[in-house]
Protein backbone atom coordinates (compact mmCIF):
# COMPACT_ATOMS: atom_id res chain seq x y z
CA MET A 1 -4.38 3.48 -28.95
CA SER A 2 -1.19 2.31 -27.20
CA LEU A 3 -1.17 -0.82 -25.04
CA THR A 4 -0.58 1.19 -21.84
CA ARG A 5 -3.41 3.61 -22.64
CA ALA A 6 -5.78 0.78 -23.52
CA ARG A 7 -5.01 -1.06 -20.28
CA ALA A 8 -5.43 2.10 -18.20
CA ALA A 9 -8.77 2.86 -19.86
CA ALA A 10 -10.00 -0.69 -19.34
CA SER A 11 -8.96 -0.62 -15.69
CA ALA A 12 -10.82 2.65 -15.08
CA ALA A 13 -13.92 1.32 -16.81
CA ARG A 14 -14.15 -1.82 -14.66
CA ARG A 15 -13.38 -0.03 -11.38
CA PRO A 16 -16.16 -0.74 -8.84
CA VAL A 17 -18.05 2.14 -7.22
CA VAL A 18 -17.65 2.79 -3.50
CA SER A 19 -20.71 4.74 -2.36
CA PRO A 20 -20.61 7.05 0.68
CA VAL A 21 -21.86 5.75 4.01
CA PRO A 22 -25.55 6.72 4.37
CA ASP A 23 -26.27 9.80 6.47
CA GLY A 24 -27.48 9.31 10.01
CA LEU A 25 -25.33 6.33 10.94
CA ASP A 26 -23.17 6.44 14.05
CA ARG A 27 -19.74 5.96 12.56
CA PRO A 28 -16.75 4.53 14.42
CA PHE A 29 -13.25 5.80 13.76
CA TRP A 30 -12.04 2.40 12.49
CA SER A 31 -13.36 -0.35 10.28
CA VAL A 32 -11.12 -3.39 10.53
CA MET A 33 -12.20 -5.61 7.67
CA ILE A 34 -10.72 -9.11 7.49
CA PRO A 35 -11.07 -10.82 4.09
CA THR A 36 -10.73 -14.56 4.35
CA TYR A 37 -10.76 -17.74 2.31
CA ASP A 38 -10.35 -20.96 4.28
CA GLY A 39 -8.40 -19.01 6.90
CA GLY A 40 -8.41 -21.53 9.76
CA ASP A 41 -5.96 -21.10 12.62
CA ARG A 42 -4.21 -18.17 10.95
CA LEU A 43 -7.54 -16.31 10.87
CA ALA A 44 -7.97 -16.93 14.58
CA ARG A 45 -4.55 -15.41 15.28
CA THR A 46 -5.35 -12.39 13.11
CA ILE A 47 -8.60 -11.73 14.98
CA GLU A 48 -6.88 -12.14 18.35
CA SER A 49 -4.25 -9.56 17.40
CA VAL A 50 -7.03 -7.02 16.76
CA LEU A 51 -9.03 -7.85 19.88
CA GLU A 52 -5.93 -7.35 22.03
CA GLN A 53 -6.16 -3.62 21.22
CA ASP A 54 -9.91 -3.31 20.64
CA PRO A 55 -11.11 0.17 21.74
CA GLY A 56 -14.75 -0.95 21.74
CA GLU A 57 -17.68 -1.03 19.34
CA ASP A 58 -18.15 2.74 19.39
CA GLU A 59 -14.64 3.19 18.01
CA MET A 60 -14.08 0.10 15.88
CA GLN A 61 -16.10 -2.05 13.53
CA ILE A 62 -14.56 -5.52 13.13
CA ARG A 63 -15.91 -7.77 10.38
CA VAL A 64 -14.74 -10.93 8.65
CA VAL A 65 -15.69 -11.00 4.95
CA ASP A 66 -15.54 -14.57 3.67
CA ASP A 67 -15.12 -15.31 -0.02
CA ALA A 68 -17.41 -18.37 0.02
CA SER A 69 -14.82 -20.65 1.63
CA PRO A 70 -15.55 -24.20 0.44
CA THR A 71 -14.17 -26.10 3.44
CA ALA A 72 -13.88 -23.69 6.38
CA ASP A 73 -16.99 -21.69 7.19
CA PRO A 74 -15.44 -19.03 9.46
CA ARG A 75 -18.52 -18.42 11.61
CA PRO A 76 -17.92 -21.12 14.26
CA LEU A 77 -14.27 -20.10 14.59
CA VAL A 78 -15.14 -16.40 14.89
CA ARG A 79 -17.74 -17.13 17.57
CA GLU A 80 -15.21 -19.20 19.50
CA VAL A 81 -12.50 -16.53 19.32
CA ALA A 82 -14.56 -13.34 19.57
CA GLY A 83 -18.02 -14.21 20.82
CA GLY A 84 -20.38 -11.66 19.29
CA ARG A 85 -17.78 -8.89 18.98
CA VAL A 86 -16.79 -9.69 15.37
CA SER A 87 -19.42 -9.94 12.66
CA VAL A 88 -19.16 -12.27 9.65
CA TRP A 89 -20.46 -11.76 6.12
CA ARG A 90 -20.15 -14.47 3.48
CA GLN A 91 -20.12 -13.99 -0.28
CA PRO A 92 -22.91 -16.02 -1.93
CA ARG A 93 -20.29 -17.32 -4.39
CA ASN A 94 -16.54 -17.07 -4.77
CA VAL A 95 -15.67 -13.68 -6.29
CA GLY A 96 -11.87 -13.61 -5.99
CA ALA A 97 -9.61 -11.59 -3.74
CA PRO A 98 -9.81 -8.12 -5.39
CA THR A 99 -13.62 -8.11 -5.45
CA ASN A 100 -13.70 -9.37 -1.88
CA PHE A 101 -11.41 -6.47 -0.88
CA THR A 102 -13.86 -4.05 -2.51
CA THR A 103 -16.70 -5.67 -0.58
CA CYS A 104 -14.70 -4.99 2.58
CA VAL A 105 -14.54 -1.30 1.70
CA GLN A 106 -18.19 -1.11 0.68
CA GLN A 107 -19.31 -2.67 3.98
CA ALA A 108 -17.00 -0.52 6.10
CA VAL A 109 -18.79 2.24 8.01
CA GLY A 110 -15.75 3.62 9.86
CA ARG A 111 -13.99 6.79 8.80
CA TRP A 112 -10.73 4.86 8.34
CA VAL A 113 -10.51 1.40 6.80
CA HIS A 114 -7.90 -1.26 7.54
CA ILE A 115 -8.12 -4.32 5.32
CA LEU A 116 -6.30 -6.98 7.31
CA HIS A 117 -5.61 -10.26 5.51
CA ASP A 118 -6.53 -13.43 7.37
CA ASP A 119 -2.87 -14.50 7.68
CA ASP A 120 -1.36 -11.17 8.81
CA ILE A 121 -1.03 -9.71 12.31
CA VAL A 122 -1.14 -6.30 13.95
CA LEU A 123 1.17 -5.69 16.89
CA PRO A 124 0.15 -3.95 20.13
CA GLY A 125 -0.21 -0.21 19.62
CA PHE A 126 -0.91 -0.40 15.88
CA TYR A 127 -4.27 1.38 15.94
CA ALA A 128 -3.24 3.92 18.55
CA ALA A 129 -0.10 4.88 16.61
CA TYR A 130 -1.91 5.13 13.28
CA ARG A 131 -4.75 7.17 14.80
CA HIS A 132 -2.25 9.52 16.40
CA ARG A 133 -0.64 10.08 13.01
CA ILE A 134 -4.01 10.63 11.33
CA GLU A 135 -5.01 13.23 13.89
CA GLN A 136 -1.80 15.22 13.49
CA GLN A 137 -2.33 16.36 9.88
CA PRO A 138 -4.70 15.63 7.00
CA CYS A 139 -3.81 12.62 4.84
CA THR A 140 -5.38 10.26 2.35
CA MET A 141 -3.79 7.13 3.75
CA VAL A 142 -1.24 6.21 6.38
CA VAL A 143 1.49 3.65 5.80
CA GLY A 144 4.24 2.05 7.83
CA ARG A 145 6.96 -0.55 7.81
CA SER A 146 6.23 -4.16 8.67
CA PHE A 147 8.05 -7.28 9.78
CA HIS A 148 8.19 -10.14 7.29
CA VAL A 149 7.67 -13.32 9.29
CA ASP A 150 7.47 -17.04 8.63
CA ASP A 151 4.53 -19.22 9.54
CA ASP A 152 5.77 -19.40 13.15
CA GLU A 153 5.91 -15.58 13.30
CA GLN A 154 9.69 -15.53 13.38
CA THR A 155 11.08 -12.41 11.74
CA ILE A 156 12.92 -13.00 8.47
CA ALA A 157 13.11 -9.39 7.18
CA VAL A 158 11.81 -5.86 7.67
CA SER A 159 10.30 -3.76 4.91
CA PRO A 160 12.50 -0.88 3.69
CA GLU A 161 12.76 2.57 5.18
CA VAL A 162 11.34 5.46 3.18
CA ALA A 163 12.07 9.19 3.06
CA VAL A 164 9.78 11.15 5.38
CA GLU A 165 9.43 14.88 5.86
CA GLY A 166 7.07 16.42 8.38
CA GLY A 167 5.38 13.06 8.90
CA TYR A 168 4.58 12.66 5.21
CA LEU A 169 6.04 10.33 2.60
CA VAL A 170 8.31 12.33 0.29
CA ASP A 171 7.28 12.22 -3.40
CA ALA A 172 4.50 9.80 -2.49
CA PRO A 173 3.01 9.18 -5.97
CA LEU A 174 6.42 8.38 -7.45
CA VAL A 175 7.71 6.33 -4.51
CA VAL A 176 4.56 4.22 -4.22
CA ALA A 177 4.44 3.63 -7.99
CA ARG A 178 8.15 2.96 -8.41
CA ASP A 179 9.02 1.00 -5.28
CA HIS A 180 5.77 -0.49 -3.88
CA PRO A 181 7.43 -0.34 -0.44
CA PHE A 182 4.43 -1.10 1.81
CA ASN A 183 2.77 -4.40 2.65
CA PHE A 184 -1.03 -4.49 2.66
CA VAL A 185 -1.10 -5.08 6.42
CA ALA A 186 0.64 -1.75 7.12
CA VAL A 187 -1.72 0.50 5.13
CA VAL A 188 -4.89 2.22 6.36
CA VAL A 189 -7.04 4.42 4.12
CA ALA A 190 -9.64 7.12 4.69
CA ARG A 191 -12.96 5.75 3.54
CA ASP A 192 -13.77 8.92 1.64
CA ALA A 193 -10.52 8.40 -0.29
CA TYR A 194 -11.79 5.01 -1.41
CA GLU A 195 -15.04 6.73 -2.41
CA SER A 196 -13.03 9.04 -4.67
CA ALA A 197 -10.68 6.35 -6.01
CA GLY A 198 -13.17 3.52 -6.50
CA GLY A 199 -12.68 -0.11 -5.60
CA PHE A 200 -9.94 -2.60 -6.40
CA ASP A 201 -9.39 -3.59 -10.02
CA PRO A 202 -11.01 -7.05 -10.20
CA GLU A 203 -8.67 -8.19 -12.99
CA LEU A 204 -5.47 -7.64 -10.99
CA VAL A 205 -5.12 -10.73 -8.84
CA HIS A 206 -1.57 -10.21 -7.55
CA ALA A 207 -0.93 -6.48 -8.05
CA ASN A 208 -4.30 -5.03 -7.02
CA ASP A 209 -2.92 -3.47 -3.82
CA TRP A 210 0.02 -1.82 -5.61
CA GLU A 211 -2.26 -0.33 -8.24
CA MET A 212 -4.66 0.89 -5.56
CA TRP A 213 -1.98 2.49 -3.37
CA ALA A 214 -0.53 4.22 -6.44
CA ARG A 215 -4.00 5.52 -7.29
CA LEU A 216 -4.64 6.76 -3.76
CA ALA A 217 -1.22 8.40 -3.44
CA MET A 218 -2.22 10.76 -6.25
CA LEU A 219 -5.25 12.00 -4.32
CA GLY A 220 -3.49 13.57 -1.34
CA PRO A 221 -0.67 13.36 1.19
CA VAL A 222 0.45 10.01 2.61
CA GLY A 223 1.23 9.89 6.32
CA VAL A 224 3.92 7.60 7.72
CA VAL A 225 4.18 5.75 11.04
CA ALA A 226 7.88 5.19 11.63
CA GLU A 227 7.77 2.12 13.90
CA PRO A 228 7.00 -1.29 12.35
CA LEU A 229 3.76 -2.42 13.98
CA ALA A 230 2.56 -5.20 11.68
CA ARG A 231 3.60 -8.69 10.65
CA TYR A 232 3.33 -9.79 7.04
CA ARG A 233 3.28 -13.58 7.03
CA HIS A 234 5.03 -15.75 4.43
CA HIS A 235 3.79 -19.32 4.09
CA ALA A 236 3.47 -22.01 1.46
CA ASP A 237 -0.32 -21.61 1.09
CA SER A 238 -0.26 -17.87 0.31
CA ASP A 239 -1.60 -16.45 -2.95
CA THR A 240 1.84 -15.01 -3.67
CA ASN A 241 3.52 -18.41 -3.53
CA ARG A 242 0.74 -20.02 -5.53
CA LEU A 243 0.96 -17.45 -8.33
CA ARG A 244 4.74 -17.62 -8.44
CA ARG A 245 4.64 -21.28 -9.40
CA SER A 246 3.79 -20.00 -12.86
CA THR A 247 4.29 -16.54 -14.34
CA ALA A 248 0.80 -15.42 -13.29
CA HIS A 249 2.27 -13.05 -10.71
CA LEU A 250 4.45 -11.42 -13.35
CA ASP A 251 1.72 -11.15 -16.00
CA ASP A 252 -0.44 -9.39 -13.44
CA VAL A 253 2.34 -7.00 -12.44
CA LEU A 254 3.02 -6.07 -16.08
CA ARG A 255 -0.62 -5.12 -16.53
CA ALA A 256 -0.42 -2.97 -13.39
CA ILE A 257 2.77 -1.28 -14.65
CA ASP A 258 1.00 -0.24 -17.85
CA ILE A 259 -2.01 1.07 -15.91
CA ILE A 260 0.13 3.09 -13.49
CA ALA A 261 2.44 4.42 -16.23
CA GLU A 262 -0.45 6.08 -18.04
CA ARG A 263 -1.28 8.21 -14.98
CA PHE A 264 1.94 10.20 -15.04
CA GLU A 265 1.28 13.78 -16.14
CA ASP A 266 4.56 13.86 -18.07
CA PRO A 267 4.46 11.10 -20.73
CA ARG A 268 8.25 10.88 -20.63
CA ALA A 269 8.12 10.17 -16.90
CA GLY A 270 5.52 7.49 -17.54
CA ARG A 271 7.66 5.83 -20.18
CA ARG A 272 10.71 5.96 -17.89
CA PHE A 273 8.71 4.44 -15.03
CA ARG A 274 7.47 1.65 -17.31
CA ARG A 275 10.95 0.85 -18.58
CA GLU A 276 12.54 0.87 -15.10
CA ALA A 277 9.68 -1.09 -13.54
CA ARG A 278 9.92 -3.83 -16.17
CA LEU A 279 13.67 -4.14 -15.58
CA ARG A 280 13.12 -4.29 -11.82
CA TRP A 281 10.53 -7.03 -12.17
CA SER A 282 12.79 -8.88 -14.56
CA GLY A 283 15.23 -9.19 -11.66
CA ILE A 284 12.46 -10.28 -9.30
CA ALA A 285 11.32 -12.93 -11.79
CA LEU A 286 14.86 -14.26 -12.01
CA ASP A 287 15.07 -14.42 -8.20
CA VAL A 288 11.81 -16.39 -8.21
CA ALA A 289 13.27 -18.71 -10.86
CA GLU A 290 16.35 -19.36 -8.75
CA GLN A 291 14.20 -20.09 -5.69
CA ALA A 292 12.05 -22.47 -7.73
CA ARG A 293 15.09 -24.31 -9.05
CA ALA A 294 16.49 -24.65 -5.51
CA ALA A 295 13.11 -26.01 -4.38
CA GLY A 296 13.15 -28.65 -7.12
CA ASP A 297 10.49 -27.06 -9.36
CA PRO A 298 12.12 -26.90 -12.82
CA ARG A 299 8.88 -25.95 -14.57
CA ALA A 300 8.41 -22.82 -12.46
CA ALA A 301 12.13 -22.04 -12.73
CA ARG A 302 12.03 -22.27 -16.52
CA ALA A 303 8.84 -20.18 -16.86
CA ASN A 304 10.08 -17.37 -14.63
CA ALA A 305 13.58 -17.36 -16.13
CA TRP A 306 12.19 -17.13 -19.64
CA ALA A 307 9.84 -14.31 -18.64
CA SER A 308 12.78 -12.52 -17.02
CA ALA A 309 14.86 -12.79 -20.20
CA ARG A 310 12.02 -11.39 -22.30
CA LEU A 311 11.75 -8.35 -20.02
CA ASP A 312 15.49 -7.72 -19.96
CA PRO A 313 17.12 -9.20 -23.08
CA ARG A 314 20.52 -7.64 -22.44
CA PRO A 315 23.17 -10.35 -23.00
CA ALA A 316 24.52 -10.58 -19.45
CA HIS A 317 21.04 -10.89 -17.96
CA ALA A 318 19.89 -13.34 -20.63
CA ARG A 319 22.90 -15.60 -19.99
CA ARG A 320 22.09 -15.67 -16.28
CA ALA A 321 18.48 -16.56 -17.10
CA TRP A 322 19.63 -19.40 -19.38
CA ARG A 323 21.80 -20.81 -16.60
CA VAL A 324 18.90 -20.72 -14.14
CA ALA A 325 16.41 -22.28 -16.55
CA GLY A 326 18.70 -25.06 -17.68
CA PRO A 327 17.85 -27.14 -20.78
CA GLY A 328 14.72 -26.02 -22.55
CA LEU A 329 14.86 -22.25 -22.32
CA ARG A 330 16.20 -21.75 -25.82
CA SER A 331 13.75 -24.22 -27.32
CA GLY A 332 10.96 -22.46 -25.42
CA ARG A 333 11.45 -19.42 -27.61
CA SER A 334 10.01 -21.07 -30.70
């Protein structure tokens, strides 16, 4: 069995079950599920951004799902910010982000689920615009652009535009798999789509959202909201920054690439996707290496540069990686 096939089979085998909501429950349109781990003031801001457009309990479930935070029990903060409007559920032990995301889905009773990280923000009109899009035509999930912001919520970038036709993402399975163009904060999913797809892969720490969106995009059409209505926050404490200090982010992505590649109906298309995705992430790893070197972290720079050179060993790219890594890259090969 090939490596890609083995990884895809293992991923499918460990995929958690998402059972349907029991019959007889009064179901709101939305479930806004906020996974958190020592969220603090950022969590408060996230909750406030939802409450500013809260349509009421009949239309929206709002719950914080805490991954056994060791230093910041979110319950006092949630009571202070939201009174009794937002419920809190705590994991009995730390289970990791992907499993906590699956818990969010499993506890959601709304027809549409928005998993909103405890450091991200929704802008006024987010839920109204997404609901309007949902009610226009059937779709499996709805996506949109988002603002990339710093810790002070100052805009530093905007996520890329995508091709849209009739309100739907063009070539959704390919675009989502190839480009991963949507931040978690700007994606909402029909709960019954999660029931069909299963939960998040617990072994994918960094790439679990990409793998999930690629899986869901194969189940049905993907609607698009044109206006950016979310803020994806960059800060030093984020999981992304933590994982990029080593090559953990890249190792995780490479596993996801193999899993996604095996789903292509045409094996040649799968192999092409895998080859192109590895080259693309080679460039991203080299960018991370350059950022690490500029920040005075030679260990992270060397690790990411070496990983980049392994993914794209073409001479011109390898020479650039050697320059970024500085002394030690060549000896690291032995």
